[in-house]
Protein backbone atom coordinates (compact mmCIF):
# COMPACT_ATOMS: atom_id res chain seq x y z
CA UNK A 1 147.49 96.81 53.91
CA UNK A 2 144.84 98.31 54.25
CA UNK A 3 143.28 99.91 50.79
CA UNK A 4 141.68 103.26 50.58
CA UNK A 5 138.13 101.39 50.20
CA UNK A 6 138.72 99.68 54.11
CA UNK A 7 139.94 102.48 55.24
CA UNK A 8 136.11 104.10 53.47
CA UNK A 9 134.35 100.91 55.33
CA UNK A 10 136.02 101.29 58.55
CA UNK A 11 135.29 104.97 59.42
CA UNK A 12 131.63 104.45 58.04
CA UNK A 13 131.16 101.76 60.85
CA UNK A 14 132.84 103.78 63.28
CA UNK A 15 130.44 106.73 62.46
CA UNK A 16 127.35 104.28 62.88
CA UNK A 17 128.60 103.01 65.91
CA UNK A 18 129.08 106.40 67.28
CA UNK A 19 125.56 107.60 66.30
CA UNK A 20 123.06 108.50 68.99
CA UNK A 21 120.00 106.30 69.68
CA UNK A 22 118.30 108.46 71.52
CA UNK A 23 116.90 111.93 70.50
CA UNK A 24 115.99 115.10 72.05
CA UNK A 25 112.21 114.46 72.01
CA UNK A 26 113.28 111.01 74.03
CA UNK A 27 114.97 113.24 76.82
CA UNK A 28 111.59 115.87 76.75
CA UNK A 29 109.57 112.59 77.03
CA UNK A 30 111.72 111.45 80.04
CA UNK A 31 111.72 115.34 81.77
CA UNK A 32 107.73 115.06 81.23
CA UNK A 33 107.91 111.58 83.01
CA UNK A 34 109.97 112.91 85.84
CA UNK A 35 107.23 114.52 87.44
CA UNK A 36 105.82 111.07 88.38
CA UNK A 37 108.79 110.64 89.93
CA UNK A 38 107.18 110.40 93.71
CA UNK A 39 104.10 108.48 92.57
CA UNK A 40 105.30 104.97 94.05
CA UNK A 41 107.38 105.00 97.25
CA UNK A 42 108.04 101.85 99.46
CA UNK A 43 110.34 101.61 102.55
CA UNK A 44 112.64 98.99 100.81
CA UNK A 45 113.80 100.86 98.14
CA UNK A 46 112.18 104.40 98.11
CA UNK A 47 111.57 105.47 94.68
CA UNK A 48 113.13 102.40 92.54
CA UNK A 49 109.99 102.37 90.69
CA UNK A 50 109.45 106.21 89.17
CA UNK A 51 113.07 106.63 88.27
CA UNK A 52 112.36 102.89 85.96
CA UNK A 53 109.02 104.55 84.61
CA UNK A 54 111.11 107.40 83.78
CA UNK A 55 114.09 105.76 81.83
CA UNK A 56 112.22 102.66 80.67
CA UNK A 57 111.13 104.41 77.42
CA UNK A 58 115.10 105.10 76.21
CA UNK A 59 116.08 101.86 78.10
CA UNK A 60 113.96 100.04 75.23
CA UNK A 61 115.05 102.08 72.33
CA UNK A 62 118.49 101.73 73.32
CA UNK A 63 118.39 97.82 74.10
CA UNK A 64 115.25 96.97 71.53
CA UNK A 65 117.30 94.35 69.46
CA UNK A 66 118.54 92.76 72.78
CA UNK A 67 115.89 91.36 75.61
CA UNK A 68 118.17 90.32 77.95
CA UNK A 69 120.37 93.77 77.76
CA UNK A 70 117.13 95.22 78.43
CA UNK A 71 116.07 93.24 81.21
CA UNK A 72 119.32 93.58 83.13
CA UNK A 73 119.24 97.56 82.39
CA UNK A 74 115.83 97.92 84.31
CA UNK A 75 117.14 95.47 87.14
CA UNK A 76 119.94 98.19 87.11
CA UNK A 77 117.49 100.55 87.72
CA UNK A 78 115.19 98.88 90.18
CA UNK A 79 118.30 99.15 93.20
CA UNK A 80 117.60 101.83 96.18
CA UNK A 81 116.88 105.65 94.98
CA UNK A 82 116.09 108.93 96.40
CA UNK A 83 117.26 112.46 95.56
CA UNK A 84 115.61 115.77 95.22
CA UNK A 85 112.33 114.99 93.28
CA UNK A 86 114.02 118.53 91.17
CA UNK A 87 116.86 116.61 90.23
CA UNK A 88 115.12 113.49 89.01
CA UNK A 89 115.42 114.23 85.20
CA UNK A 90 119.26 115.10 85.74
CA UNK A 91 119.95 111.85 87.31
CA UNK A 92 117.73 109.95 84.22
CA UNK A 93 119.47 112.04 81.66
CA UNK A 94 123.10 111.02 82.86
CA UNK A 95 121.79 107.45 83.17
CA UNK A 96 120.30 106.87 79.47
CA UNK A 97 123.72 108.49 78.78
CA UNK A 98 125.74 105.55 80.55
CA UNK A 99 123.26 103.31 79.11
CA UNK A 100 124.22 104.24 75.66
CA UNK A 101 127.55 104.12 76.00
CA UNK A 102 127.68 100.62 77.51
CA UNK A 103 125.63 99.42 74.37
CA UNK A 104 127.66 101.00 72.07
CA UNK A 105 131.21 99.72 74.36
CA UNK A 106 131.58 96.33 74.52
CA UNK A 107 134.63 96.94 77.21
CA UNK A 108 132.20 99.39 79.28
CA UNK A 109 131.58 98.12 82.72
CA UNK A 110 127.95 98.24 83.40
CA UNK A 111 129.14 98.16 87.27
CA UNK A 112 130.01 102.13 86.41
CA UNK A 113 126.25 103.02 85.69
CA UNK A 114 125.06 102.26 89.44
CA UNK A 115 128.84 103.02 90.96
CA UNK A 116 127.95 106.77 88.99
CA UNK A 117 124.31 106.98 90.50
CA UNK A 118 124.71 105.91 93.92
CA UNK A 119 128.25 108.31 94.44
CA UNK A 120 126.22 111.53 93.28
CA UNK A 121 123.06 110.62 95.05
CA UNK A 122 123.88 111.56 98.57
CA UNK A 123 125.66 115.24 97.18
CA UNK A 124 123.01 116.40 94.62
CA UNK A 125 120.44 115.70 97.56
CA UNK A 126 122.37 118.07 100.06
CA UNK A 127 122.74 120.28 97.60
CA UNK A 128 119.34 120.96 96.43
CA UNK A 129 117.42 120.23 98.89
CA UNK A 130 118.90 123.07 100.23
CA UNK A 131 118.41 125.18 97.57
CA UNK A 132 114.73 124.33 97.43
CA UNK A 133 113.04 123.15 100.56
CA UNK A 134 115.54 125.01 102.58
CA UNK A 135 115.79 128.50 100.18
CA UNK A 136 113.47 128.99 97.17
CA UNK A 137 110.22 127.49 99.29
CA UNK A 138 111.04 129.34 102.58
CA UNK A 139 111.35 132.82 100.52
CA UNK A 140 108.07 131.96 98.82
CA UNK A 141 106.50 131.19 101.88
CA UNK A 142 107.56 134.80 103.17
CA UNK A 143 106.27 136.68 100.54
CA UNK A 144 103.24 134.74 100.55
CA UNK A 145 102.79 134.84 104.14
CA UNK A 146 103.03 139.18 103.83
CA UNK A 147 101.01 139.34 101.34
CA UNK A 148 98.04 136.99 102.77
CA UNK A 149 97.90 138.95 106.09
CA UNK A 150 97.17 141.93 104.46
CA UNK A 151 94.31 140.12 103.02
CA UNK A 152 96.00 139.83 99.08
CA UNK A 153 94.27 137.34 97.49
CA UNK A 154 97.42 136.72 95.17
CA UNK A 155 99.27 135.53 97.61
CA UNK A 156 98.71 131.79 97.02
CA UNK A 157 99.85 132.01 93.79
CA UNK A 158 103.02 133.68 94.57
CA UNK A 159 104.33 130.78 96.25
CA UNK A 160 103.02 128.47 93.66
CA UNK A 161 105.09 130.63 90.99
CA UNK A 162 108.26 131.29 93.14
CA UNK A 163 108.75 127.62 93.63
CA UNK A 164 107.74 125.96 90.88
CA UNK A 165 109.16 128.12 88.05
CA UNK A 166 112.63 127.26 89.62
CA UNK A 167 111.19 123.44 90.42
CA UNK A 168 110.39 123.01 86.33
CA UNK A 169 112.85 124.76 84.84
CA UNK A 170 115.11 122.33 86.38
CA UNK A 171 112.92 119.26 85.87
CA UNK A 172 112.15 120.42 81.63
CA UNK A 173 115.82 121.22 81.50
CA UNK A 174 118.16 119.14 83.74
CA UNK A 175 117.43 115.48 81.40
CA UNK A 176 118.76 117.16 78.56
CA UNK A 177 121.62 118.61 80.53
CA UNK A 178 122.35 115.02 82.21
CA UNK A 179 122.48 113.30 79.25
CA UNK A 180 124.84 115.68 77.10
CA UNK A 181 127.49 115.64 80.50
CA UNK A 182 126.87 111.82 80.62
CA UNK A 183 129.16 110.77 78.32
CA UNK A 184 131.99 113.48 78.41
CA UNK A 185 131.65 113.11 81.58
CA UNK A 186 132.32 109.44 81.46
CA UNK A 187 135.04 109.77 78.85
CA UNK A 188 137.06 112.06 81.11
CA UNK A 189 136.98 110.48 84.12
CA UNK A 190 138.05 106.87 82.65
CA UNK A 191 141.06 109.02 80.20
CA UNK A 192 142.11 110.37 83.78
CA UNK A 193 142.16 106.97 85.78
CA UNK A 194 139.43 108.88 88.27
CA UNK A 195 136.68 105.86 87.30
CA UNK A 196 138.47 103.20 88.82
CA UNK A 197 138.63 105.61 92.16
CA UNK A 198 135.28 106.55 92.59
CA UNK A 199 134.44 102.56 92.06
CA UNK A 200 136.72 102.03 94.88
CA UNK A 201 134.68 105.37 97.16
CA UNK A 202 131.58 104.37 95.72
CA UNK A 203 132.17 100.69 97.63
CA UNK A 204 133.75 102.14 100.57
CA UNK A 205 131.53 104.88 101.30
CA UNK A 206 127.95 102.78 101.15
CA UNK A 207 129.74 99.82 103.78
CA UNK A 208 130.33 103.06 106.04
CA UNK A 209 126.65 103.84 105.05
CA UNK A 210 125.34 100.35 106.20
CA UNK A 211 127.56 100.39 109.05
CA UNK A 212 126.75 103.23 110.17
CA UNK A 213 122.82 102.64 109.84
CA UNK A 214 123.42 99.15 111.64
CA UNK A 215 124.92 100.67 114.68
CA UNK A 216 122.73 104.16 114.64
CA UNK A 217 118.96 102.74 113.62
CA UNK A 218 118.90 99.03 114.64
CA UNK A 219 118.69 98.70 118.28
CA UNK A 220 118.10 94.50 119.84
CA UNK A 221 117.95 95.06 123.71
CA UNK A 222 117.44 92.45 126.22
CA UNK A 223 115.90 93.11 129.25
CA UNK A 224 117.59 90.03 130.64
CA UNK A 225 119.33 90.72 134.85
CA UNK A 226 120.89 88.90 137.47
CA UNK A 227 122.31 89.42 140.41
CA UNK A 228 121.17 90.94 143.99
CA UNK A 229 119.22 94.21 144.26
CA UNK A 230 120.81 97.11 143.20
CA UNK A 231 123.60 95.59 141.73
CA UNK A 232 121.93 93.48 139.06
CA UNK A 233 124.36 92.91 136.23
CA UNK A 234 122.49 93.14 132.32
CA UNK A 235 122.93 90.82 129.63
CA UNK A 236 123.26 93.11 127.72
CA UNK A 237 126.48 95.16 129.47
CA UNK A 238 128.11 91.97 128.93
CA UNK A 239 127.87 91.29 125.09
CA UNK A 240 128.48 95.41 125.08
CA UNK A 241 131.54 94.30 126.66
CA UNK A 242 132.88 92.44 124.83
CA UNK A 243 131.16 93.71 121.36
CA UNK A 244 129.74 96.79 121.35
CA UNK A 245 126.80 96.47 118.82
CA UNK A 246 127.13 92.29 118.50
CA UNK A 247 123.22 91.80 118.81
CA UNK A 248 122.58 94.94 115.74
CA UNK A 249 124.88 93.26 113.39
CA UNK A 250 123.57 89.83 114.25
CA UNK A 251 119.93 91.55 113.51
CA UNK A 252 121.53 92.88 110.30
CA UNK A 253 123.24 89.63 109.13
CA UNK A 254 120.22 87.75 109.98
CA UNK A 255 117.83 89.77 107.98
CA UNK A 256 120.15 89.83 105.22
CA UNK A 257 120.50 85.89 105.16
CA UNK A 258 116.78 85.86 105.58
CA UNK A 259 116.24 88.34 102.21
CA UNK A 260 118.64 86.01 100.12
CA UNK A 261 116.43 83.23 100.68
CA UNK A 262 113.88 85.04 99.26
CA UNK A 263 112.04 85.68 102.20
CA UNK A 264 109.02 88.87 101.07
CA UNK A 265 109.65 91.69 102.71
CA UNK A 266 106.24 92.37 103.67
CA UNK A 267 106.95 89.02 105.93
CA UNK A 268 109.76 89.96 107.69
CA UNK A 269 108.56 93.15 108.75
CA UNK A 270 105.04 91.95 110.31
CA UNK A 271 107.29 88.99 111.87
CA UNK A 272 109.89 91.11 112.92
CA UNK A 273 106.64 93.03 115.63
CA UNK A 274 105.12 89.82 115.97
CA UNK A 275 108.41 87.61 117.83
CA UNK A 276 109.64 91.08 119.07
CA UNK A 277 105.97 91.27 121.12
CA UNK A 278 106.43 87.87 122.02
CA UNK A 279 109.71 88.72 123.59
CA UNK A 280 108.62 91.89 125.33
CA UNK A 281 105.21 89.84 126.58
CA UNK A 282 108.24 87.09 128.46
CA UNK A 283 110.37 89.28 129.51
CA UNK A 284 112.88 88.44 127.11
CA UNK A 285 113.22 92.21 125.62
């Protein structure tokens, strides 16, 4: 039978476990760091390093007594990342909240963090690219051009203000909003049973995107032909008749295998250029 002292101890432990690790000041620093969101970019994972720069101090505070967990958290966020720059801080705040949940809840699945991240990048980019790039920027430029055509020297400042005031509002309030939404969003998804659906949908969507990119953006074309003049048969037509895009998907799996073998990305890029030039010179491609 549980005594009143046991109940008190249990309540104290519960209160301690639910205590927030991240403070308002931490998220404010994250917002400032979001200004460096595009300072480093590469073709392999785009802006993954600036994202780690944003969330790094918060992750260190969350996992301060667990070096292995801190390292795993950094690895989680070193995956491909890209979205509208104005919502960088919102994303970072949301991910920090999920990492804090991961620290507190032993039953939490860390795979959920990247599943939520990957499933939101596309929709958020579509919405905020339209708002900032196609709407606010165009409005600001239109006003500035009209003033500049009249010789008004404040035209560039008008453009700067019209575009950057909403930009700064999103950046400096986004982190706080994302952090507040984080745990509440996750709790609601778990209670409703939607989290498993999101994880499965994210996996399916990822496979569909990779598959469509393989077919649309990767092209392997062989120039080998045979037969009388005017009636040549190309090797590509034969292969595509058997399995459309078979060489494209074969190239993808070849690069995937090489990547798993820890072949450097730059070696893959320049090696591909050299091999393709050699095959073209030989008349094979």
